[in-house]
Amino acid sequence: MASRPTLLRERSASRDALAGALDILASGDVLTGDGRNQVAGLRYALRLAAR
């Protein structure tokens, strides 16, 4: 997010794809606890940006 802040500011196909990928990651069991926390933080940032 720090290197691509436009992903949060602009509604785009890239942002939608990122949200979809994060949903898939969150629903799987391949992430560590830290990884799950990072994905949750990114998903939260996308939700806030959509307001």
PDB file of N, CA and C in Angstrom:
ATOM      1  N   MET A   1       0.817  -1.172   0.000  1.00  0.00           N
ATOM      2  CA  MET A   1       0.000   0.000   0.000  1.00  0.00           C
ATOM      3  C   MET A   1       0.871   1.250   0.000  1.00  0.00           C
ATOM      4  N   ALA A   2       1.973   1.201   0.687  1.00  0.00           N
ATOM      5  CA  ALA A   2       2.837   2.383   0.768  1.00  0.00           C
ATOM      6  C   ALA A   2       3.416   2.744  -0.593  1.00  0.00           C
ATOM      7  N   SER A   3       3.735   1.758  -1.402  1.00  0.00           N
ATOM      8  CA  SER A   3       4.317   2.046  -2.713  1.00  0.00           C
ATOM      9  C   SER A   3       3.273   2.283  -3.796  1.00  0.00           C
ATOM     10  N   ARG A   4       2.023   1.927  -3.529  1.00  0.00           N
ATOM     11  CA  ARG A   4       0.949   2.132  -4.509  1.00  0.00           C
ATOM     12  C   ARG A   4      -0.310   2.678  -3.830  1.00  0.00           C
ATOM     13  N   PRO A   5      -0.235   3.898  -3.300  1.00  0.00           N
ATOM     14  CA  PRO A   5      -1.399   4.457  -2.594  1.00  0.00           C
ATOM     15  C   PRO A   5      -2.617   4.673  -3.492  1.00  0.00           C
ATOM     16  N   THR A   6      -2.407   4.726  -4.808  1.00  0.00           N
ATOM     17  CA  THR A   6      -3.556   4.898  -5.707  1.00  0.00           C
ATOM     18  C   THR A   6      -4.496   3.701  -5.654  1.00  0.00           C
ATOM     19  N   LEU A   7      -3.992   2.544  -5.213  1.00  0.00           N
ATOM     20  CA  LEU A   7      -4.876   1.384  -5.068  1.00  0.00           C
ATOM     21  C   LEU A   7      -5.984   1.668  -4.063  1.00  0.00           C
ATOM     22  N   LEU A   8      -5.702   2.519  -3.103  1.00  0.00           N
ATOM     23  CA  LEU A   8      -6.719   2.859  -2.110  1.00  0.00           C
ATOM     24  C   LEU A   8      -7.576   4.037  -2.561  1.00  0.00           C
ATOM     25  N   ARG A   9      -7.003   4.953  -3.307  1.00  0.00           N
ATOM     26  CA  ARG A   9      -7.725   6.177  -3.662  1.00  0.00           C
ATOM     27  C   ARG A   9      -8.678   6.016  -4.835  1.00  0.00           C
ATOM     28  N   GLU A  10      -8.333   5.186  -5.771  1.00  0.00           N
ATOM     29  CA  GLU A  10      -9.119   5.077  -6.992  1.00  0.00           C
ATOM     30  C   GLU A  10      -9.761   3.696  -7.109  1.00  0.00           C
ATOM     31  N   ARG A  11     -11.018   3.696  -7.470  1.00  0.00           N
ATOM     32  CA  ARG A  11     -11.705   2.432  -7.743  1.00  0.00           C
ATOM     33  C   ARG A  11     -11.187   1.921  -9.078  1.00  0.00           C
ATOM     34  N   SER A  12     -10.630   0.728  -9.098  1.00  0.00           N
ATOM     35  CA  SER A  12     -10.050   0.206 -10.328  1.00  0.00           C
ATOM     36  C   SER A  12     -10.140  -1.313 -10.350  1.00  0.00           C
ATOM     37  N   ALA A  13      -9.840  -1.856 -11.511  1.00  0.00           N
ATOM     38  CA  ALA A  13      -9.812  -3.310 -11.641  1.00  0.00           C
ATOM     39  C   ALA A  13      -8.694  -3.890 -10.770  1.00  0.00           C
ATOM     40  N   SER A  14      -7.594  -3.154 -10.629  1.00  0.00           N
ATOM     41  CA  SER A  14      -6.490  -3.626  -9.789  1.00  0.00           C
ATOM     42  C   SER A  14      -6.915  -3.721  -8.337  1.00  0.00           C
ATOM     43  N   ARG A  15      -7.638  -2.713  -7.866  1.00  0.00           N
ATOM     44  CA  ARG A  15      -8.107  -2.729  -6.472  1.00  0.00           C
ATOM     45  C   ARG A  15      -9.098  -3.868  -6.249  1.00  0.00           C
ATOM     46  N   ASP A  16      -9.974  -4.080  -7.201  1.00  0.00           N
ATOM     47  CA  ASP A  16     -10.925  -5.187  -7.095  1.00  0.00           C
ATOM     48  C   ASP A  16     -10.204  -6.528  -7.098  1.00  0.00           C
ATOM     49  N   ALA A  17      -9.175  -6.653  -7.941  1.00  0.00           N
ATOM     50  CA  ALA A  17      -8.400  -7.894  -7.997  1.00  0.00           C
ATOM     51  C   ALA A  17      -7.654  -8.115  -6.683  1.00  0.00           C
ATOM     52  N   LEU A  18      -7.101  -7.048  -6.128  1.00  0.00           N
ATOM     53  CA  LEU A  18      -6.415  -7.154  -4.846  1.00  0.00           C
ATOM     54  C   LEU A  18      -7.378  -7.607  -3.754  1.00  0.00           C
ATOM     55  N   ALA A  19      -8.558  -7.022  -3.725  1.00  0.00           N
ATOM     56  CA  ALA A  19      -9.555  -7.411  -2.722  1.00  0.00           C
ATOM     57  C   ALA A  19      -9.911  -8.887  -2.873  1.00  0.00           C
ATOM     58  N   GLY A  20     -10.076  -9.339  -4.099  1.00  0.00           N
ATOM     59  CA  GLY A  20     -10.387 -10.748  -4.333  1.00  0.00           C
ATOM     60  C   GLY A  20      -9.263 -11.671  -3.893  1.00  0.00           C
ATOM     61  N   ALA A  21      -8.037 -11.291  -4.192  1.00  0.00           N
ATOM     62  CA  ALA A  21      -6.886 -12.104  -3.797  1.00  0.00           C
ATOM     63  C   ALA A  21      -6.759 -12.159  -2.277  1.00  0.00           C
ATOM     64  N   LEU A  22      -7.010 -11.039  -1.617  1.00  0.00           N
ATOM     65  CA  LEU A  22      -6.938 -11.019  -0.158  1.00  0.00           C
ATOM     66  C   LEU A  22      -8.022 -11.888   0.459  1.00  0.00           C
ATOM     67  N   ASP A  23      -9.207 -11.891  -0.144  1.00  0.00           N
ATOM     68  CA  ASP A  23     -10.289 -12.754   0.343  1.00  0.00           C
ATOM     69  C   ASP A  23      -9.897 -14.223   0.242  1.00  0.00           C
ATOM     70  N   ILE A  24      -9.270 -14.587  -0.867  1.00  0.00           N
ATOM     71  CA  ILE A  24      -8.836 -15.972  -1.057  1.00  0.00           C
ATOM     72  C   ILE A  24      -7.773 -16.340  -0.031  1.00  0.00           C
ATOM     73  N   LEU A  25      -6.808 -15.453   0.165  1.00  0.00           N
ATOM     74  CA  LEU A  25      -5.762 -15.714   1.157  1.00  0.00           C
ATOM     75  C   LEU A  25      -6.347 -15.857   2.553  1.00  0.00           C
ATOM     76  N   ALA A  26      -7.289 -14.991   2.889  1.00  0.00           N
ATOM     77  CA  ALA A  26      -7.879 -15.011   4.229  1.00  0.00           C
ATOM     78  C   ALA A  26      -8.676 -16.280   4.479  1.00  0.00           C
ATOM     79  N   SER A  27      -9.250 -16.849   3.433  1.00  0.00           N
ATOM     80  CA  SER A  27     -10.086 -18.029   3.614  1.00  0.00           C
ATOM     81  C   SER A  27      -9.284 -19.329   3.644  1.00  0.00           C
ATOM     82  N   GLY A  28      -8.017 -19.262   3.257  1.00  0.00           N
ATOM     83  CA  GLY A  28      -7.185 -20.459   3.247  1.00  0.00           C
ATOM     84  C   GLY A  28      -6.497 -20.684   4.582  1.00  0.00           C
ATOM     85  N   ASP A  29      -5.716 -21.752   4.635  1.00  0.00           N
ATOM     86  CA  ASP A  29      -5.008 -22.070   5.872  1.00  0.00           C
ATOM     87  C   ASP A  29      -3.497 -22.120   5.663  1.00  0.00           C
ATOM     88  N   VAL A  30      -2.999 -21.388   4.681  1.00  0.00           N
ATOM     89  CA  VAL A  30      -1.572 -21.427   4.376  1.00  0.00           C
ATOM     90  C   VAL A  30      -0.783 -20.309   5.053  1.00  0.00           C
ATOM     91  N   LEU A  31      -1.462 -19.331   5.628  1.00  0.00           N
ATOM     92  CA  LEU A  31      -0.777 -18.193   6.225  1.00  0.00           C
ATOM     93  C   LEU A  31      -0.426 -18.445   7.691  1.00  0.00           C
ATOM     94  N   THR A  32       0.652 -17.838   8.101  1.00  0.00           N
ATOM     95  CA  THR A  32       1.004 -17.844   9.519  1.00  0.00           C
ATOM     96  C   THR A  32       0.101 -16.831  10.232  1.00  0.00           C
ATOM     97  N   GLY A  33       0.199 -16.786  11.526  1.00  0.00           N
ATOM     98  CA  GLY A  33      -0.577 -15.809  12.295  1.00  0.00           C
ATOM     99  C   GLY A  33      -0.242 -14.385  11.878  1.00  0.00           C
ATOM    100  N   ASP A  34       1.043 -14.114  11.682  1.00  0.00           N
ATOM    101  CA  ASP A  34       1.460 -12.788  11.251  1.00  0.00           C
ATOM    102  C   ASP A  34       0.925 -12.480   9.850  1.00  0.00           C
ATOM    103  N   GLY A  35       0.965 -13.461   8.980  1.00  0.00           N
ATOM    104  CA  GLY A  35       0.443 -13.281   7.626  1.00  0.00           C
ATOM    105  C   GLY A  35      -1.050 -12.983   7.640  1.00  0.00           C
ATOM    106  N   ARG A  36      -1.790 -13.689   8.474  1.00  0.00           N
ATOM    107  CA  ARG A  36      -3.230 -13.429   8.597  1.00  0.00           C
ATOM    108  C   ARG A  36      -3.487 -12.014   9.097  1.00  0.00           C
ATOM    109  N   ASN A  37      -2.667 -11.564  10.047  1.00  0.00           N
ATOM    110  CA  ASN A  37      -2.820 -10.199  10.555  1.00  0.00           C
ATOM    111  C   ASN A  37      -2.535  -9.161   9.470  1.00  0.00           C
ATOM    112  N   GLN A  38      -1.524  -9.412   8.659  1.00  0.00           N
ATOM    113  CA  GLN A  38      -1.206  -8.484   7.578  1.00  0.00           C
ATOM    114  C   GLN A  38      -2.317  -8.439   6.538  1.00  0.00           C
ATOM    115  N   VAL A  39      -2.848  -9.597   6.180  1.00  0.00           N
ATOM    116  CA  VAL A  39      -3.953  -9.650   5.220  1.00  0.00           C
ATOM    117  C   VAL A  39      -5.179  -8.944   5.803  1.00  0.00           C
ATOM    118  N   ALA A  40      -5.450  -9.150   7.067  1.00  0.00           N
ATOM    119  CA  ALA A  40      -6.592  -8.482   7.704  1.00  0.00           C
ATOM    120  C   ALA A  40      -6.409  -6.968   7.669  1.00  0.00           C
ATOM    121  N   GLY A  41      -5.189  -6.503   7.899  1.00  0.00           N
ATOM    122  CA  GLY A  41      -4.927  -5.067   7.838  1.00  0.00           C
ATOM    123  C   GLY A  41      -5.134  -4.496   6.448  1.00  0.00           C
ATOM    124  N   LEU A  42      -4.703  -5.218   5.442  1.00  0.00           N
ATOM    125  CA  LEU A  42      -4.905  -4.766   4.064  1.00  0.00           C
ATOM    126  C   LEU A  42      -6.386  -4.761   3.690  1.00  0.00           C
ATOM    127  N   ARG A  43      -7.098  -5.786   4.106  1.00  0.00           N
ATOM    128  CA  ARG A  43      -8.534  -5.826   3.818  1.00  0.00           C
ATOM    129  C   ARG A  43      -9.250  -4.667   4.502  1.00  0.00           C
ATOM    130  N   TYR A  44      -8.847  -4.357   5.720  1.00  0.00           N
ATOM    131  CA  TYR A  44      -9.433  -3.234   6.457  1.00  0.00           C
ATOM    132  C   TYR A  44      -9.152  -1.913   5.737  1.00  0.00           C
ATOM    133  N   ALA A  45      -7.917  -1.736   5.268  1.00  0.00           N
ATOM    134  CA  ALA A  45      -7.569  -0.508   4.544  1.00  0.00           C
ATOM    135  C   ALA A  45      -8.421  -0.364   3.274  1.00  0.00           C
ATOM    136  N   LEU A  46      -8.655  -1.450   2.583  1.00  0.00           N
ATOM    137  CA  LEU A  46      -9.493  -1.391   1.372  1.00  0.00           C
ATOM    138  C   LEU A  46     -10.941  -1.033   1.729  1.00  0.00           C
ATOM    139  N   ARG A  47     -11.441  -1.606   2.826  1.00  0.00           N
ATOM    140  CA  ARG A  47     -12.811  -1.278   3.245  1.00  0.00           C
ATOM    141  C   ARG A  47     -12.941   0.196   3.616  1.00  0.00           C
ATOM    142  N   LEU A  48     -11.968   0.713   4.347  1.00  0.00           N
ATOM    143  CA  LEU A  48     -12.000   2.136   4.717  1.00  0.00           C
ATOM    144  C   LEU A  48     -11.934   3.034   3.492  1.00  0.00           C
ATOM    145  N   ALA A  49     -11.124   2.663   2.530  1.00  0.00           N
ATOM    146  CA  ALA A  49     -10.961   3.468   1.320  1.00  0.00           C
ATOM    147  C   ALA A  49     -12.240   3.487   0.490  1.00  0.00           C
ATOM    148  N   ALA A  50     -13.054   2.448   0.618  1.00  0.00           N
ATOM    149  CA  ALA A  50     -14.283   2.359  -0.178  1.00  0.00           C
ATOM    150  C   ALA A  50     -15.382   3.260   0.348  1.00  0.00           C
ATOM    151  N   ARG A  51     -15.198   3.818   1.534  1.00  0.00           N
ATOM    152  CA  ARG A  51     -16.239   4.678   2.132  1.00  0.00           C
ATOM    153  C   ARG A  51     -16.307   6.023   1.464  1.00  0.00           C
TER     154      ARG A  51
END
